[in-house]
Amino acid sequence: MKSTAFGNFFARRWQGQVPLAALLWRDMLGVGTLINIVATVLALAVMVQGAHPAVAVALHFAPLPYNVFLFAAVWRSPHRDVVTGTIAAVWLAAVTLI
């Protein structure tokens, strides 16, 4: 069975086939942060429109599984050092709490 591009995206990161610099800077800090900003803006927008607060909370935390995946992929990298691990952990805490 041939893997899909979407499945390949996750598998390559989980298996350490993506360079750590690209995983950390592009995927996590760039794209991941952008996804979290969009989710938070949408959550605030639905709150302003009068939606139930649970909808806003769900929108805000929707990227959490992806965030945890990126953190775990960085953490599993054989090339991870203390600085990279710290950046990943601080990023995960920041996007989860803010």
N, C-alpha and C. Protein backbone atom coordinates (compact mmCIF):
# COMPACT_ATOMS: atom_id res chain seq x y z
N MET A 1 0.84 -1.18 0.00
CA MET A 1 0.00 0.00 0.00
C MET A 1 0.89 1.24 0.00
N LYS A 2 0.61 2.15 -0.88
CA LYS A 2 1.39 3.37 -1.01
C LYS A 2 0.93 4.39 0.03
N SER A 3 1.89 5.03 0.71
CA SER A 3 1.51 6.03 1.72
C SER A 3 1.13 7.33 1.04
N THR A 4 0.21 8.04 1.64
CA THR A 4 -0.23 9.32 1.10
C THR A 4 0.77 10.40 1.49
N ALA A 5 0.68 11.51 0.80
CA ALA A 5 1.57 12.63 1.12
C ALA A 5 1.34 13.11 2.54
N PHE A 6 0.06 13.10 2.98
CA PHE A 6 -0.27 13.55 4.33
C PHE A 6 0.35 12.61 5.36
N GLY A 7 0.19 11.31 5.16
CA GLY A 7 0.80 10.33 6.07
C GLY A 7 2.31 10.40 6.04
N ASN A 8 2.85 10.64 4.87
CA ASN A 8 4.29 10.75 4.72
C ASN A 8 4.83 11.96 5.49
N PHE A 9 4.08 13.03 5.53
CA PHE A 9 4.48 14.23 6.26
C PHE A 9 4.76 13.89 7.72
N PHE A 10 3.82 13.21 8.35
CA PHE A 10 3.97 12.85 9.76
C PHE A 10 5.02 11.76 9.96
N ALA A 11 5.01 10.76 9.10
CA ALA A 11 5.96 9.65 9.24
C ALA A 11 7.40 10.13 9.12
N ARG A 12 7.67 11.01 8.17
CA ARG A 12 9.04 11.51 7.98
C ARG A 12 9.52 12.27 9.21
N ARG A 13 8.67 13.04 9.81
CA ARG A 13 9.07 13.80 11.00
C ARG A 13 9.23 12.87 12.20
N TRP A 14 8.33 11.92 12.35
CA TRP A 14 8.39 11.00 13.48
C TRP A 14 9.63 10.10 13.41
N GLN A 15 10.01 9.73 12.20
CA GLN A 15 11.14 8.83 12.00
C GLN A 15 12.48 9.57 11.91
N GLY A 16 12.47 10.88 12.08
CA GLY A 16 13.71 11.65 12.08
C GLY A 16 14.30 11.85 10.70
N GLN A 17 13.47 11.80 9.66
CA GLN A 17 13.96 11.95 8.29
C GLN A 17 13.98 13.39 7.81
N VAL A 18 13.45 14.30 8.63
CA VAL A 18 13.46 15.73 8.31
C VAL A 18 14.58 16.35 9.14
N PRO A 19 15.43 17.16 8.53
CA PRO A 19 16.50 17.79 9.31
C PRO A 19 15.95 18.55 10.51
N LEU A 20 16.65 18.44 11.62
CA LEU A 20 16.20 19.06 12.86
C LEU A 20 15.98 20.56 12.71
N ALA A 21 16.84 21.24 11.98
CA ALA A 21 16.68 22.68 11.79
C ALA A 21 15.36 23.00 11.10
N ALA A 22 15.00 22.24 10.08
CA ALA A 22 13.73 22.47 9.38
C ALA A 22 12.55 22.13 10.28
N LEU A 23 12.67 21.06 11.02
CA LEU A 23 11.59 20.66 11.93
C LEU A 23 11.37 21.71 13.01
N LEU A 24 12.43 22.20 13.60
CA LEU A 24 12.31 23.17 14.68
C LEU A 24 11.90 24.55 14.16
N TRP A 25 12.66 25.10 13.23
CA TRP A 25 12.46 26.48 12.81
C TRP A 25 11.30 26.66 11.84
N ARG A 26 11.20 25.79 10.84
CA ARG A 26 10.13 25.95 9.86
C ARG A 26 8.81 25.37 10.37
N ASP A 27 8.85 24.08 10.71
CA ASP A 27 7.61 23.39 11.07
C ASP A 27 7.04 23.85 12.41
N MET A 28 7.89 23.90 13.42
CA MET A 28 7.40 24.22 14.76
C MET A 28 7.24 25.73 14.95
N LEU A 29 8.33 26.46 14.87
CA LEU A 29 8.28 27.88 15.19
C LEU A 29 7.60 28.72 14.11
N GLY A 30 7.71 28.31 12.86
CA GLY A 30 7.07 29.06 11.78
C GLY A 30 5.62 28.66 11.56
N VAL A 31 5.43 27.48 10.98
CA VAL A 31 4.09 27.01 10.64
C VAL A 31 3.26 26.74 11.88
N GLY A 32 3.83 26.09 12.87
CA GLY A 32 3.10 25.77 14.10
C GLY A 32 2.60 27.02 14.80
N THR A 33 3.45 28.02 14.90
CA THR A 33 3.06 29.28 15.53
C THR A 33 1.95 29.96 14.73
N LEU A 34 2.07 29.95 13.41
CA LEU A 34 1.05 30.56 12.56
C LEU A 34 -0.30 29.85 12.74
N ILE A 35 -0.30 28.54 12.78
CA ILE A 35 -1.53 27.78 13.00
C ILE A 35 -2.16 28.15 14.34
N ASN A 36 -1.34 28.29 15.37
CA ASN A 36 -1.85 28.64 16.70
C ASN A 36 -2.39 30.06 16.73
N ILE A 37 -1.77 30.97 16.04
CA ILE A 37 -2.26 32.36 15.99
C ILE A 37 -3.62 32.39 15.29
N VAL A 38 -3.74 31.68 14.17
CA VAL A 38 -5.01 31.64 13.44
C VAL A 38 -6.10 31.03 14.32
N ALA A 39 -5.79 29.95 15.02
CA ALA A 39 -6.79 29.31 15.89
C ALA A 39 -7.23 30.25 17.00
N THR A 40 -6.30 30.98 17.58
CA THR A 40 -6.63 31.92 18.65
C THR A 40 -7.47 33.09 18.13
N VAL A 41 -7.11 33.61 16.97
CA VAL A 41 -7.90 34.70 16.37
C VAL A 41 -9.32 34.22 16.07
N LEU A 42 -9.44 33.01 15.52
CA LEU A 42 -10.78 32.47 15.26
C LEU A 42 -11.56 32.29 16.56
N ALA A 43 -10.89 31.83 17.60
CA ALA A 43 -11.55 31.65 18.90
C ALA A 43 -12.05 32.99 19.43
N LEU A 44 -11.22 34.00 19.33
CA LEU A 44 -11.64 35.33 19.78
C LEU A 44 -12.78 35.88 18.93
N ALA A 45 -12.74 35.61 17.64
CA ALA A 45 -13.79 36.10 16.74
C ALA A 45 -15.14 35.45 17.07
N VAL A 46 -15.15 34.16 17.34
CA VAL A 46 -16.44 33.53 17.66
C VAL A 46 -16.95 33.98 19.03
N MET A 47 -16.04 34.29 19.93
CA MET A 47 -16.46 34.83 21.23
C MET A 47 -17.14 36.19 21.03
N VAL A 48 -16.54 37.03 20.21
CA VAL A 48 -17.10 38.36 19.95
C VAL A 48 -18.48 38.23 19.29
N GLN A 49 -18.65 37.21 18.46
CA GLN A 49 -19.92 36.99 17.77
C GLN A 49 -20.98 36.38 18.67
N GLY A 50 -20.61 36.04 19.91
CA GLY A 50 -21.58 35.54 20.86
C GLY A 50 -21.69 34.03 20.93
N ALA A 51 -20.75 33.32 20.37
CA ALA A 51 -20.80 31.86 20.44
C ALA A 51 -20.55 31.39 21.87
N HIS A 52 -20.95 30.18 22.12
CA HIS A 52 -20.73 29.59 23.44
C HIS A 52 -19.23 29.54 23.72
N PRO A 53 -18.80 29.85 24.93
CA PRO A 53 -17.36 29.84 25.26
C PRO A 53 -16.69 28.49 24.97
N ALA A 54 -17.44 27.40 25.05
CA ALA A 54 -16.85 26.08 24.77
C ALA A 54 -16.38 25.99 23.32
N VAL A 55 -17.07 26.67 22.41
CA VAL A 55 -16.66 26.67 21.01
C VAL A 55 -15.33 27.40 20.87
N ALA A 56 -15.19 28.52 21.54
CA ALA A 56 -13.94 29.28 21.50
C ALA A 56 -12.79 28.48 22.10
N VAL A 57 -13.05 27.82 23.21
CA VAL A 57 -12.02 27.01 23.85
C VAL A 57 -11.61 25.87 22.92
N ALA A 58 -12.59 25.23 22.30
CA ALA A 58 -12.29 24.13 21.37
C ALA A 58 -11.45 24.63 20.19
N LEU A 59 -11.79 25.78 19.65
CA LEU A 59 -11.00 26.34 18.55
C LEU A 59 -9.58 26.68 19.00
N HIS A 60 -9.47 27.27 20.17
CA HIS A 60 -8.15 27.65 20.67
C HIS A 60 -7.23 26.43 20.86
N PHE A 61 -7.80 25.36 21.38
CA PHE A 61 -6.99 24.16 21.66
C PHE A 61 -6.98 23.15 20.52
N ALA A 62 -7.63 23.43 19.42
CA ALA A 62 -7.65 22.50 18.29
C ALA A 62 -6.26 22.12 17.79
N PRO A 63 -5.28 23.04 17.76
CA PRO A 63 -3.95 22.65 17.28
C PRO A 63 -3.11 21.86 18.29
N LEU A 64 -3.62 21.63 19.49
CA LEU A 64 -2.82 20.98 20.53
C LEU A 64 -2.25 19.63 20.12
N PRO A 65 -3.02 18.74 19.49
CA PRO A 65 -2.41 17.46 19.07
C PRO A 65 -1.24 17.65 18.10
N TYR A 66 -1.38 18.60 17.18
CA TYR A 66 -0.29 18.89 16.24
C TYR A 66 0.91 19.47 16.99
N ASN A 67 0.66 20.34 17.95
CA ASN A 67 1.74 20.92 18.74
C ASN A 67 2.51 19.83 19.49
N VAL A 68 1.78 18.93 20.12
CA VAL A 68 2.42 17.86 20.88
C VAL A 68 3.20 16.95 19.93
N PHE A 69 2.64 16.69 18.75
CA PHE A 69 3.35 15.88 17.76
C PHE A 69 4.67 16.54 17.38
N LEU A 70 4.65 17.83 17.07
CA LEU A 70 5.89 18.53 16.70
C LEU A 70 6.90 18.49 17.83
N PHE A 71 6.43 18.74 19.04
CA PHE A 71 7.34 18.68 20.19
C PHE A 71 7.97 17.30 20.32
N ALA A 72 7.16 16.26 20.21
CA ALA A 72 7.66 14.89 20.34
C ALA A 72 8.62 14.56 19.21
N ALA A 73 8.34 15.03 18.00
CA ALA A 73 9.23 14.77 16.87
C ALA A 73 10.59 15.43 17.09
N VAL A 74 10.59 16.65 17.60
CA VAL A 74 11.86 17.32 17.92
C VAL A 74 12.56 16.55 19.05
N TRP A 75 11.82 16.18 20.06
CA TRP A 75 12.40 15.51 21.22
C TRP A 75 13.02 14.16 20.84
N ARG A 76 12.41 13.47 19.87
CA ARG A 76 12.91 12.17 19.44
C ARG A 76 14.13 12.27 18.53
N SER A 77 14.39 13.44 18.00
CA SER A 77 15.48 13.61 17.04
C SER A 77 16.81 13.21 17.66
N PRO A 78 17.59 12.40 16.95
CA PRO A 78 18.90 12.02 17.48
C PRO A 78 19.88 13.18 17.55
N HIS A 79 19.56 14.27 16.84
CA HIS A 79 20.47 15.43 16.82
C HIS A 79 20.07 16.52 17.81
N ARG A 80 19.04 16.25 18.61
CA ARG A 80 18.56 17.24 19.57
C ARG A 80 19.62 17.47 20.64
N ASP A 81 19.78 18.73 21.01
CA ASP A 81 20.67 19.07 22.12
C ASP A 81 19.84 19.81 23.17
N VAL A 82 20.49 20.29 24.21
CA VAL A 82 19.79 20.95 25.31
C VAL A 82 19.07 22.21 24.82
N VAL A 83 19.73 22.98 23.99
CA VAL A 83 19.14 24.23 23.51
C VAL A 83 17.90 23.94 22.66
N THR A 84 18.01 23.00 21.74
CA THR A 84 16.88 22.65 20.88
C THR A 84 15.71 22.11 21.71
N GLY A 85 16.01 21.24 22.64
CA GLY A 85 14.97 20.70 23.51
C GLY A 85 14.29 21.77 24.34
N THR A 86 15.07 22.71 24.83
CA THR A 86 14.52 23.81 25.63
C THR A 86 13.64 24.71 24.78
N ILE A 87 14.08 25.03 23.57
CA ILE A 87 13.27 25.86 22.68
C ILE A 87 11.94 25.17 22.40
N ALA A 88 11.99 23.87 22.11
CA ALA A 88 10.77 23.12 21.81
C ALA A 88 9.83 23.09 23.02
N ALA A 89 10.38 22.88 24.20
CA ALA A 89 9.55 22.82 25.41
C ALA A 89 8.93 24.17 25.74
N VAL A 90 9.69 25.23 25.61
CA VAL A 90 9.17 26.58 25.88
C VAL A 90 8.10 26.93 24.86
N TRP A 91 8.33 26.58 23.60
CA TRP A 91 7.33 26.84 22.56
C TRP A 91 6.04 26.12 22.86
N LEU A 92 6.13 24.83 23.22
CA LEU A 92 4.92 24.07 23.52
C LEU A 92 4.16 24.67 24.70
N ALA A 93 4.87 25.07 25.73
CA ALA A 93 4.22 25.70 26.88
C ALA A 93 3.57 27.01 26.48
N ALA A 94 4.27 27.81 25.68
CA ALA A 94 3.75 29.12 25.28
C ALA A 94 2.49 29.00 24.43
N VAL A 95 2.52 28.13 23.42
CA VAL A 95 1.34 28.04 22.55
C VAL A 95 0.18 27.33 23.22
N THR A 96 0.45 26.57 24.26
CA THR A 96 -0.64 25.91 24.99
C THR A 96 -1.29 26.89 25.96
N LEU A 97 -0.50 27.71 26.62
CA LEU A 97 -1.03 28.60 27.66
C LEU A 97 -1.52 29.94 27.14
N ILE A 98 -0.99 30.37 26.02
CA ILE A 98 -1.35 31.72 25.52
C ILE A 98 -2.45 31.61 24.48
